[in-house]
Amino acid sequence: MVTADHGNAEEILDEQGHPFTAHTTNKVPFCISRTDIALEQNGGKLANIAPTIIDLLGDKKPLEMTEGSLIIHK
């Protein structure tokens, strides 16, 4: 599994050549290397990551988590 909580690799330096340390709103990867599952490809967000990991572990997410897993169950 590979993911991140924000992206800024594409903007490492600002216009003056100084480090750009602010978070951007660019999309980040969420990759799982398994052939037996499929992930929803559109509309995912940070709040989907924990429910997806919990789903991979075979457990149910807590009621406090308002977003769902990105795993497509067939």
N, C-alpha and C. Protein backbone atom coordinates (compact mmCIF):
# COMPACT_ATOMS: atom_id res chain seq x y z
N MET A 1 0.85 -1.16 0.00
CA MET A 1 0.00 0.00 0.00
C MET A 1 0.91 1.23 0.00
N VAL A 2 0.58 2.18 -0.85
CA VAL A 2 1.30 3.45 -0.92
C VAL A 2 0.27 4.56 -0.92
N THR A 3 0.46 5.54 -0.03
CA THR A 3 -0.43 6.69 0.00
C THR A 3 0.27 7.85 0.69
N ALA A 4 -0.42 8.96 0.80
CA ALA A 4 0.10 10.14 1.48
C ALA A 4 -1.09 10.97 1.96
N ASP A 5 -0.83 11.93 2.82
CA ASP A 5 -1.93 12.78 3.29
C ASP A 5 -1.98 14.12 2.57
N HIS A 6 -0.97 14.43 1.79
CA HIS A 6 -0.97 15.67 1.01
C HIS A 6 0.11 15.56 -0.07
N GLY A 7 0.02 16.44 -1.04
CA GLY A 7 1.03 16.46 -2.08
C GLY A 7 1.70 17.82 -2.16
N ASN A 8 3.01 17.84 -2.34
CA ASN A 8 3.70 19.08 -2.67
C ASN A 8 5.02 18.80 -3.37
N ALA A 9 5.24 17.58 -3.82
CA ALA A 9 6.48 17.24 -4.51
C ALA A 9 6.64 18.03 -5.81
N GLU A 10 5.52 18.38 -6.42
CA GLU A 10 5.58 19.12 -7.69
C GLU A 10 5.88 20.60 -7.47
N GLU A 11 5.90 21.04 -6.22
CA GLU A 11 6.19 22.44 -5.90
C GLU A 11 7.20 22.50 -4.76
N ILE A 12 8.36 21.88 -4.97
CA ILE A 12 9.37 21.81 -3.91
C ILE A 12 9.95 23.18 -3.60
N LEU A 13 10.12 24.02 -4.63
CA LEU A 13 10.68 25.36 -4.43
C LEU A 13 9.69 26.41 -4.91
N ASP A 14 9.69 27.57 -4.22
CA ASP A 14 8.83 28.67 -4.66
C ASP A 14 9.53 29.47 -5.76
N GLU A 15 8.92 30.57 -6.17
CA GLU A 15 9.46 31.37 -7.28
C GLU A 15 10.85 31.94 -6.98
N GLN A 16 11.19 32.13 -5.71
CA GLN A 16 12.50 32.66 -5.34
C GLN A 16 13.52 31.56 -5.06
N GLY A 17 13.14 30.30 -5.23
CA GLY A 17 14.05 29.20 -4.99
C GLY A 17 14.09 28.72 -3.55
N HIS A 18 13.18 29.22 -2.72
CA HIS A 18 13.11 28.80 -1.32
C HIS A 18 12.21 27.57 -1.18
N PRO A 19 12.46 26.75 -0.16
CA PRO A 19 11.60 25.57 0.04
C PRO A 19 10.13 25.96 0.18
N PHE A 20 9.28 25.27 -0.55
CA PHE A 20 7.84 25.47 -0.47
C PHE A 20 7.31 24.36 0.43
N THR A 21 6.93 24.71 1.65
CA THR A 21 6.55 23.70 2.64
C THR A 21 5.05 23.59 2.87
N ALA A 22 4.27 24.43 2.24
CA ALA A 22 2.82 24.37 2.44
C ALA A 22 2.23 23.16 1.70
N HIS A 23 1.15 22.65 2.21
CA HIS A 23 0.44 21.56 1.54
C HIS A 23 -0.29 22.11 0.33
N THR A 24 -0.40 21.29 -0.69
CA THR A 24 -1.17 21.67 -1.87
C THR A 24 -2.48 20.89 -1.87
N THR A 25 -3.33 21.22 -2.80
CA THR A 25 -4.60 20.50 -2.92
C THR A 25 -4.55 19.47 -4.06
N ASN A 26 -3.34 19.18 -4.52
CA ASN A 26 -3.20 18.21 -5.60
C ASN A 26 -3.51 16.79 -5.10
N LYS A 27 -3.96 15.97 -6.00
CA LYS A 27 -4.28 14.59 -5.66
C LYS A 27 -3.01 13.82 -5.31
N VAL A 28 -3.15 12.84 -4.43
CA VAL A 28 -2.04 11.98 -4.05
C VAL A 28 -2.42 10.53 -4.36
N PRO A 29 -1.43 9.66 -4.52
CA PRO A 29 -1.74 8.27 -4.87
C PRO A 29 -2.29 7.50 -3.68
N PHE A 30 -3.11 6.52 -4.00
CA PHE A 30 -3.53 5.52 -3.02
C PHE A 30 -3.53 4.21 -3.78
N CYS A 31 -2.43 3.49 -3.66
CA CYS A 31 -2.21 2.28 -4.45
C CYS A 31 -2.13 1.07 -3.54
N ILE A 32 -2.82 0.02 -3.93
CA ILE A 32 -2.75 -1.25 -3.22
C ILE A 32 -2.38 -2.30 -4.26
N SER A 33 -1.31 -3.02 -4.00
CA SER A 33 -0.82 -4.02 -4.95
C SER A 33 -1.41 -5.39 -4.63
N ARG A 34 -2.65 -5.56 -5.02
CA ARG A 34 -3.33 -6.85 -4.87
C ARG A 34 -4.19 -7.07 -6.10
N THR A 35 -4.21 -8.29 -6.57
CA THR A 35 -5.00 -8.59 -7.76
C THR A 35 -6.42 -9.02 -7.43
N ASP A 36 -6.71 -9.27 -6.16
CA ASP A 36 -8.02 -9.78 -5.78
C ASP A 36 -9.01 -8.70 -5.36
N ILE A 37 -8.61 -7.43 -5.43
CA ILE A 37 -9.53 -6.35 -5.08
C ILE A 37 -9.45 -5.24 -6.12
N ALA A 38 -10.49 -4.44 -6.16
CA ALA A 38 -10.51 -3.25 -7.02
C ALA A 38 -10.85 -2.05 -6.13
N LEU A 39 -10.28 -0.90 -6.47
CA LEU A 39 -10.53 0.33 -5.72
C LEU A 39 -11.36 1.29 -6.55
N GLU A 40 -12.24 2.01 -5.88
CA GLU A 40 -12.97 3.11 -6.51
C GLU A 40 -11.93 4.10 -7.02
N GLN A 41 -12.06 4.54 -8.25
CA GLN A 41 -11.06 5.40 -8.87
C GLN A 41 -11.39 6.89 -8.82
N ASN A 42 -12.59 7.26 -8.44
CA ASN A 42 -12.98 8.66 -8.45
C ASN A 42 -13.60 9.05 -7.12
N GLY A 43 -13.31 10.27 -6.68
CA GLY A 43 -13.98 10.82 -5.52
C GLY A 43 -13.40 10.44 -4.17
N GLY A 44 -12.30 9.72 -4.15
CA GLY A 44 -11.68 9.36 -2.88
C GLY A 44 -11.07 10.57 -2.20
N LYS A 45 -11.00 10.51 -0.87
CA LYS A 45 -10.38 11.59 -0.10
C LYS A 45 -9.70 11.02 1.13
N LEU A 46 -9.01 11.86 1.86
CA LEU A 46 -8.25 11.44 3.02
C LEU A 46 -9.10 10.63 3.99
N ALA A 47 -10.35 11.01 4.17
CA ALA A 47 -11.22 10.34 5.13
C ALA A 47 -11.59 8.92 4.70
N ASN A 48 -11.29 8.54 3.46
CA ASN A 48 -11.56 7.17 2.99
C ASN A 48 -10.42 6.20 3.30
N ILE A 49 -9.24 6.72 3.63
CA ILE A 49 -8.08 5.85 3.79
C ILE A 49 -8.23 4.91 4.98
N ALA A 50 -8.54 5.43 6.16
CA ALA A 50 -8.67 4.56 7.34
C ALA A 50 -9.78 3.53 7.16
N PRO A 51 -10.97 3.90 6.67
CA PRO A 51 -11.99 2.87 6.45
C PRO A 51 -11.55 1.80 5.45
N THR A 52 -10.75 2.19 4.46
CA THR A 52 -10.27 1.22 3.48
C THR A 52 -9.28 0.25 4.13
N ILE A 53 -8.38 0.76 4.95
CA ILE A 53 -7.42 -0.10 5.64
C ILE A 53 -8.15 -1.05 6.59
N ILE A 54 -9.12 -0.54 7.32
CA ILE A 54 -9.91 -1.38 8.22
C ILE A 54 -10.63 -2.47 7.42
N ASP A 55 -11.18 -2.11 6.27
CA ASP A 55 -11.84 -3.07 5.40
C ASP A 55 -10.86 -4.15 4.94
N LEU A 56 -9.64 -3.75 4.56
CA LEU A 56 -8.62 -4.72 4.16
C LEU A 56 -8.29 -5.70 5.27
N LEU A 57 -8.36 -5.23 6.51
CA LEU A 57 -8.09 -6.08 7.67
C LEU A 57 -9.27 -6.97 8.03
N GLY A 58 -10.40 -6.78 7.34
CA GLY A 58 -11.56 -7.61 7.56
C GLY A 58 -12.42 -7.20 8.74
N ASP A 59 -12.28 -5.97 9.17
CA ASP A 59 -13.06 -5.49 10.31
C ASP A 59 -14.07 -4.44 9.84
N LYS A 60 -14.95 -4.06 10.73
CA LYS A 60 -15.93 -3.01 10.43
C LYS A 60 -15.43 -1.69 11.00
N LYS A 61 -15.66 -0.61 10.25
CA LYS A 61 -15.21 0.71 10.70
C LYS A 61 -16.11 1.19 11.84
N PRO A 62 -15.56 2.02 12.73
CA PRO A 62 -16.38 2.60 13.80
C PRO A 62 -17.46 3.52 13.23
N LEU A 63 -18.55 3.65 13.93
CA LEU A 63 -19.64 4.52 13.49
C LEU A 63 -19.21 5.97 13.35
N GLU A 64 -18.18 6.36 14.11
CA GLU A 64 -17.70 7.74 14.06
C GLU A 64 -17.06 8.08 12.71
N MET A 65 -16.62 7.09 11.99
CA MET A 65 -16.04 7.33 10.66
C MET A 65 -17.18 7.50 9.67
N THR A 66 -17.28 8.69 9.12
CA THR A 66 -18.42 9.00 8.26
C THR A 66 -18.21 8.60 6.80
N GLU A 67 -16.97 8.38 6.40
CA GLU A 67 -16.69 7.98 5.02
C GLU A 67 -16.49 6.47 4.95
N GLY A 68 -16.56 5.93 3.76
CA GLY A 68 -16.47 4.49 3.59
C GLY A 68 -15.20 4.03 2.93
N SER A 69 -15.08 2.73 2.80
CA SER A 69 -13.96 2.09 2.14
C SER A 69 -14.00 2.37 0.64
N LEU A 70 -12.83 2.41 0.03
CA LEU A 70 -12.73 2.56 -1.41
C LEU A 70 -12.70 1.22 -2.14
N ILE A 71 -12.76 0.12 -1.39
CA ILE A 71 -12.75 -1.20 -2.00
C ILE A 71 -14.11 -1.46 -2.63
N ILE A 72 -14.08 -1.91 -3.86
CA ILE A 72 -15.32 -2.26 -4.57
C ILE A 72 -15.60 -3.74 -4.28
N HIS A 73 -16.65 -3.99 -3.53
CA HIS A 73 -17.04 -5.37 -3.20
C HIS A 73 -17.99 -5.88 -4.27
N LYS A 74 -17.72 -7.07 -4.76
CA LYS A 74 -18.55 -7.64 -5.83
C LYS A 74 -19.49 -8.67 -5.27
